[in-house]
N, C-alpha and C. Protein backbone atom coordinates (compact mmCIF):
# COMPACT_ATOMS: atom_id res chain seq x y z
N MET A 1 10.81 -2.93 -20.24
CA MET A 1 9.55 -3.05 -19.52
C MET A 1 9.57 -2.05 -18.38
N TYR A 2 8.40 -1.47 -18.09
CA TYR A 2 8.23 -0.49 -17.02
C TYR A 2 7.03 -0.89 -16.17
N VAL A 3 7.05 -0.49 -14.90
CA VAL A 3 5.95 -0.83 -14.00
C VAL A 3 5.54 0.40 -13.18
N ARG A 4 4.25 0.54 -13.01
CA ARG A 4 3.68 1.56 -12.13
C ARG A 4 3.11 0.81 -10.93
N ILE A 5 3.55 1.20 -9.73
CA ILE A 5 3.09 0.56 -8.50
C ILE A 5 2.31 1.57 -7.69
N ALA A 6 1.03 1.30 -7.50
CA ALA A 6 0.17 2.15 -6.67
C ALA A 6 -0.11 1.39 -5.38
N ARG A 7 0.14 2.04 -4.26
CA ARG A 7 -0.10 1.42 -2.96
C ARG A 7 -1.39 1.98 -2.37
N PHE A 8 -2.12 1.08 -1.69
CA PHE A 8 -3.44 1.44 -1.14
C PHE A 8 -3.56 0.97 0.30
N GLU A 9 -4.45 1.62 1.04
CA GLU A 9 -4.84 1.19 2.38
C GLU A 9 -6.35 1.21 2.44
N GLY A 10 -6.91 0.21 3.10
CA GLY A 10 -8.36 0.13 3.23
C GLY A 10 -8.75 -0.72 4.42
N ASP A 11 -10.01 -0.90 4.59
CA ASP A 11 -10.55 -1.71 5.68
C ASP A 11 -10.32 -3.18 5.35
N PRO A 12 -9.61 -3.92 6.22
CA PRO A 12 -9.38 -5.34 5.95
C PRO A 12 -10.68 -6.13 5.74
N ALA A 13 -11.75 -5.70 6.37
CA ALA A 13 -13.03 -6.39 6.22
C ALA A 13 -13.60 -6.26 4.81
N GLU A 14 -13.08 -5.31 4.03
CA GLU A 14 -13.57 -5.08 2.67
C GLU A 14 -12.63 -5.63 1.60
N ALA A 15 -11.67 -6.46 2.00
CA ALA A 15 -10.67 -6.97 1.05
C ALA A 15 -11.31 -7.77 -0.08
N ASP A 16 -12.26 -8.64 0.24
CA ASP A 16 -12.89 -9.44 -0.80
C ASP A 16 -13.64 -8.57 -1.81
N GLN A 17 -14.30 -7.52 -1.32
CA GLN A 17 -15.01 -6.62 -2.23
C GLN A 17 -14.02 -5.88 -3.14
N ALA A 18 -12.87 -5.50 -2.59
CA ALA A 18 -11.86 -4.82 -3.40
C ALA A 18 -11.34 -5.73 -4.50
N VAL A 19 -11.06 -6.97 -4.15
CA VAL A 19 -10.57 -7.94 -5.14
C VAL A 19 -11.63 -8.16 -6.22
N ALA A 20 -12.88 -8.32 -5.82
CA ALA A 20 -13.97 -8.54 -6.79
C ALA A 20 -14.13 -7.33 -7.70
N ARG A 21 -14.05 -6.13 -7.14
CA ARG A 21 -14.21 -4.91 -7.92
C ARG A 21 -13.13 -4.78 -8.99
N VAL A 22 -11.88 -5.02 -8.59
CA VAL A 22 -10.77 -4.92 -9.55
C VAL A 22 -10.84 -6.05 -10.57
N SER A 23 -11.16 -7.25 -10.13
CA SER A 23 -11.27 -8.39 -11.04
C SER A 23 -12.34 -8.14 -12.10
N GLU A 24 -13.47 -7.61 -11.68
CA GLU A 24 -14.55 -7.31 -12.62
C GLU A 24 -14.10 -6.27 -13.64
N ARG A 25 -13.37 -5.27 -13.18
CA ARG A 25 -12.87 -4.22 -14.08
C ARG A 25 -11.91 -4.78 -15.12
N MET A 26 -11.18 -5.82 -14.77
CA MET A 26 -10.15 -6.37 -15.65
C MET A 26 -10.65 -7.51 -16.53
N GLN A 27 -11.89 -7.95 -16.35
CA GLN A 27 -12.44 -9.03 -17.19
C GLN A 27 -12.30 -8.67 -18.66
N GLY A 28 -11.76 -9.58 -19.42
CA GLY A 28 -11.64 -9.35 -20.86
C GLY A 28 -10.49 -8.45 -21.25
N GLY A 29 -9.58 -8.18 -20.32
CA GLY A 29 -8.44 -7.34 -20.64
C GLY A 29 -8.56 -5.97 -20.02
N PRO A 30 -7.56 -5.13 -20.27
CA PRO A 30 -7.57 -3.81 -19.66
C PRO A 30 -8.66 -2.92 -20.27
N PRO A 31 -9.13 -1.94 -19.50
CA PRO A 31 -10.08 -0.99 -20.07
C PRO A 31 -9.44 -0.25 -21.25
N PRO A 32 -10.24 0.30 -22.15
CA PRO A 32 -9.68 0.95 -23.35
C PRO A 32 -8.62 2.01 -23.06
N GLU A 33 -8.79 2.76 -21.98
CA GLU A 33 -7.81 3.81 -21.67
C GLU A 33 -6.47 3.24 -21.21
N LEU A 34 -6.43 1.92 -20.97
CA LEU A 34 -5.18 1.26 -20.59
C LEU A 34 -4.79 0.19 -21.60
N GLU A 35 -5.12 0.40 -22.85
CA GLU A 35 -4.87 -0.62 -23.87
C GLU A 35 -3.39 -0.97 -24.00
N ALA A 36 -2.49 -0.07 -23.59
CA ALA A 36 -1.06 -0.35 -23.70
C ALA A 36 -0.53 -1.19 -22.53
N ALA A 37 -1.35 -1.41 -21.51
CA ALA A 37 -0.92 -2.23 -20.37
C ALA A 37 -0.71 -3.67 -20.81
N LYS A 38 0.35 -4.29 -20.33
CA LYS A 38 0.68 -5.66 -20.71
C LYS A 38 0.37 -6.68 -19.63
N ARG A 39 0.34 -6.22 -18.38
CA ARG A 39 0.14 -7.14 -17.26
C ARG A 39 -0.30 -6.34 -16.05
N PHE A 40 -1.10 -6.96 -15.19
CA PHE A 40 -1.53 -6.32 -13.95
C PHE A 40 -1.47 -7.34 -12.82
N LEU A 41 -0.89 -6.94 -11.70
CA LEU A 41 -0.87 -7.76 -10.49
C LEU A 41 -1.48 -6.97 -9.35
N MET A 42 -2.28 -7.63 -8.54
CA MET A 42 -2.82 -7.00 -7.33
C MET A 42 -2.26 -7.77 -6.15
N LEU A 43 -1.57 -7.07 -5.27
CA LEU A 43 -1.01 -7.66 -4.06
C LEU A 43 -1.85 -7.20 -2.89
N LEU A 44 -2.08 -8.09 -1.91
CA LEU A 44 -2.99 -7.77 -0.83
C LEU A 44 -2.51 -8.37 0.49
N ASP A 45 -2.50 -7.56 1.53
CA ASP A 45 -2.28 -8.03 2.90
C ASP A 45 -3.64 -7.96 3.58
N ARG A 46 -4.31 -9.08 3.70
CA ARG A 46 -5.68 -9.12 4.23
C ARG A 46 -5.75 -8.70 5.69
N GLU A 47 -4.68 -8.88 6.45
CA GLU A 47 -4.71 -8.50 7.87
C GLU A 47 -4.70 -6.99 8.07
N SER A 48 -3.90 -6.29 7.29
CA SER A 48 -3.78 -4.85 7.47
C SER A 48 -4.67 -4.04 6.53
N GLY A 49 -5.14 -4.65 5.45
CA GLY A 49 -5.92 -3.92 4.46
C GLY A 49 -5.06 -3.16 3.47
N ARG A 50 -3.74 -3.37 3.53
CA ARG A 50 -2.84 -2.70 2.58
C ARG A 50 -2.68 -3.55 1.33
N GLY A 51 -2.42 -2.87 0.23
CA GLY A 51 -2.22 -3.58 -1.02
C GLY A 51 -1.47 -2.74 -2.02
N ALA A 52 -1.19 -3.35 -3.15
CA ALA A 52 -0.51 -2.66 -4.23
C ALA A 52 -1.03 -3.19 -5.56
N GLY A 53 -1.14 -2.29 -6.51
CA GLY A 53 -1.48 -2.64 -7.88
C GLY A 53 -0.27 -2.38 -8.74
N MET A 54 0.17 -3.39 -9.47
CA MET A 54 1.34 -3.26 -10.34
C MET A 54 0.88 -3.40 -11.79
N THR A 55 1.06 -2.34 -12.57
CA THR A 55 0.66 -2.34 -13.97
C THR A 55 1.92 -2.22 -14.82
N PHE A 56 2.10 -3.15 -15.76
CA PHE A 56 3.31 -3.22 -16.57
C PHE A 56 3.06 -2.69 -17.98
N PHE A 57 4.08 -2.02 -18.52
CA PHE A 57 4.03 -1.43 -19.86
C PHE A 57 5.33 -1.72 -20.59
N ASP A 58 5.28 -1.75 -21.92
CA ASP A 58 6.47 -2.03 -22.72
C ASP A 58 7.50 -0.91 -22.72
N ASN A 59 7.03 0.34 -22.67
CA ASN A 59 7.97 1.45 -22.78
C ASN A 59 7.54 2.61 -21.88
N GLU A 60 8.44 3.57 -21.73
CA GLU A 60 8.21 4.69 -20.81
C GLU A 60 7.05 5.58 -21.26
N GLU A 61 6.89 5.75 -22.55
CA GLU A 61 5.78 6.57 -23.06
C GLU A 61 4.43 5.95 -22.68
N ASP A 62 4.31 4.64 -22.87
CA ASP A 62 3.07 3.96 -22.49
C ASP A 62 2.85 4.04 -20.98
N LEU A 63 3.94 3.95 -20.21
CA LEU A 63 3.86 4.07 -18.75
C LEU A 63 3.28 5.44 -18.37
N ARG A 64 3.77 6.49 -18.96
CA ARG A 64 3.29 7.85 -18.63
C ARG A 64 1.82 8.01 -19.00
N ARG A 65 1.43 7.52 -20.17
CA ARG A 65 0.02 7.60 -20.57
C ARG A 65 -0.85 6.75 -19.63
N GLY A 66 -0.35 5.58 -19.27
CA GLY A 66 -1.08 4.72 -18.34
C GLY A 66 -1.22 5.36 -16.98
N ASP A 67 -0.19 6.04 -16.52
CA ASP A 67 -0.25 6.74 -15.23
C ASP A 67 -1.34 7.80 -15.25
N GLU A 68 -1.40 8.57 -16.32
CA GLU A 68 -2.45 9.60 -16.45
C GLU A 68 -3.83 8.96 -16.42
N ALA A 69 -4.01 7.87 -17.15
CA ALA A 69 -5.31 7.19 -17.19
C ALA A 69 -5.67 6.63 -15.82
N LEU A 70 -4.72 5.99 -15.16
CA LEU A 70 -5.00 5.40 -13.85
C LEU A 70 -5.29 6.48 -12.81
N ASN A 71 -4.60 7.60 -12.89
CA ASN A 71 -4.88 8.71 -11.96
C ASN A 71 -6.30 9.21 -12.14
N SER A 72 -6.79 9.25 -13.35
CA SER A 72 -8.15 9.74 -13.60
C SER A 72 -9.21 8.71 -13.20
N MET A 73 -8.80 7.43 -13.06
CA MET A 73 -9.74 6.37 -12.71
C MET A 73 -9.87 6.18 -11.20
N THR A 74 -9.00 6.78 -10.41
CA THR A 74 -9.03 6.58 -8.95
C THR A 74 -10.34 7.11 -8.40
N ARG A 75 -11.04 6.23 -7.65
CA ARG A 75 -12.35 6.58 -7.11
C ARG A 75 -12.29 6.64 -5.59
N PRO A 76 -12.50 7.81 -4.99
CA PRO A 76 -12.44 7.91 -3.54
C PRO A 76 -13.52 7.10 -2.83
N GLU A 77 -14.62 6.80 -3.50
CA GLU A 77 -15.71 6.05 -2.87
C GLU A 77 -15.44 4.55 -2.87
N SER A 78 -14.27 4.12 -3.32
CA SER A 78 -13.99 2.70 -3.46
C SER A 78 -13.73 2.00 -2.13
N GLY A 79 -13.62 2.73 -1.02
CA GLY A 79 -13.39 2.10 0.26
C GLY A 79 -11.92 2.00 0.63
N SER A 80 -11.05 2.38 -0.27
CA SER A 80 -9.62 2.40 0.04
C SER A 80 -9.04 3.72 -0.45
N ARG A 81 -7.87 4.04 0.08
CA ARG A 81 -7.22 5.27 -0.38
C ARG A 81 -5.84 4.95 -0.91
N ARG A 82 -5.48 5.62 -1.98
CA ARG A 82 -4.16 5.42 -2.55
C ARG A 82 -3.16 6.20 -1.70
N THR A 83 -2.09 5.56 -1.28
CA THR A 83 -1.11 6.21 -0.43
C THR A 83 0.14 6.64 -1.19
N SER A 84 0.42 6.01 -2.32
CA SER A 84 1.58 6.41 -3.11
C SER A 84 1.53 5.79 -4.50
N VAL A 85 2.28 6.39 -5.39
CA VAL A 85 2.48 5.84 -6.74
C VAL A 85 3.96 5.95 -7.05
N GLU A 86 4.52 4.86 -7.52
CA GLU A 86 5.93 4.82 -7.89
C GLU A 86 6.04 4.20 -9.27
N MET A 87 7.05 4.62 -10.03
CA MET A 87 7.27 4.08 -11.37
C MET A 87 8.72 3.66 -11.52
N TYR A 88 8.90 2.49 -12.13
CA TYR A 88 10.24 1.93 -12.26
C TYR A 88 10.43 1.32 -13.64
N GLU A 89 11.69 1.24 -14.04
CA GLU A 89 12.07 0.38 -15.14
C GLU A 89 12.29 -1.01 -14.55
N VAL A 90 11.81 -2.04 -15.20
CA VAL A 90 12.04 -3.41 -14.74
C VAL A 90 13.42 -3.82 -15.24
N ALA A 91 14.37 -3.92 -14.33
CA ALA A 91 15.74 -4.23 -14.70
C ALA A 91 15.95 -5.73 -14.90
N ILE A 92 15.27 -6.54 -14.08
CA ILE A 92 15.36 -8.01 -14.19
C ILE A 92 13.97 -8.57 -13.97
N ASP A 93 13.58 -9.51 -14.81
CA ASP A 93 12.32 -10.24 -14.64
C ASP A 93 12.61 -11.71 -14.89
N GLN A 94 13.00 -12.40 -13.84
CA GLN A 94 13.40 -13.80 -13.95
C GLN A 94 12.37 -14.68 -13.28
N GLN A 95 11.86 -15.64 -14.02
CA GLN A 95 10.91 -16.60 -13.44
C GLN A 95 11.60 -17.93 -13.25
N PHE A 96 11.27 -18.61 -12.17
CA PHE A 96 11.86 -19.93 -11.86
C PHE A 96 10.81 -20.98 -11.83
């Protein structure tokens, strides 16, 4: 399993709109250009306006294709700016 983590900063007053916008985009599953995505998590610090989007993929090839698709989907008018993108292999995924 692999994960792409994109970090964002935005206006804390617009946090609810950001959550609604992403939730609407994900209704019914990932968009067609992200069909290989297996899971998505959105993390949010409402006080600072910082957040992270974590998109999971089964293999490195899907991760690279997903990264290209997500880079092309970034919208500067969304009210937040992406500050970094990192990609990792998931070494341990333990749920309790």
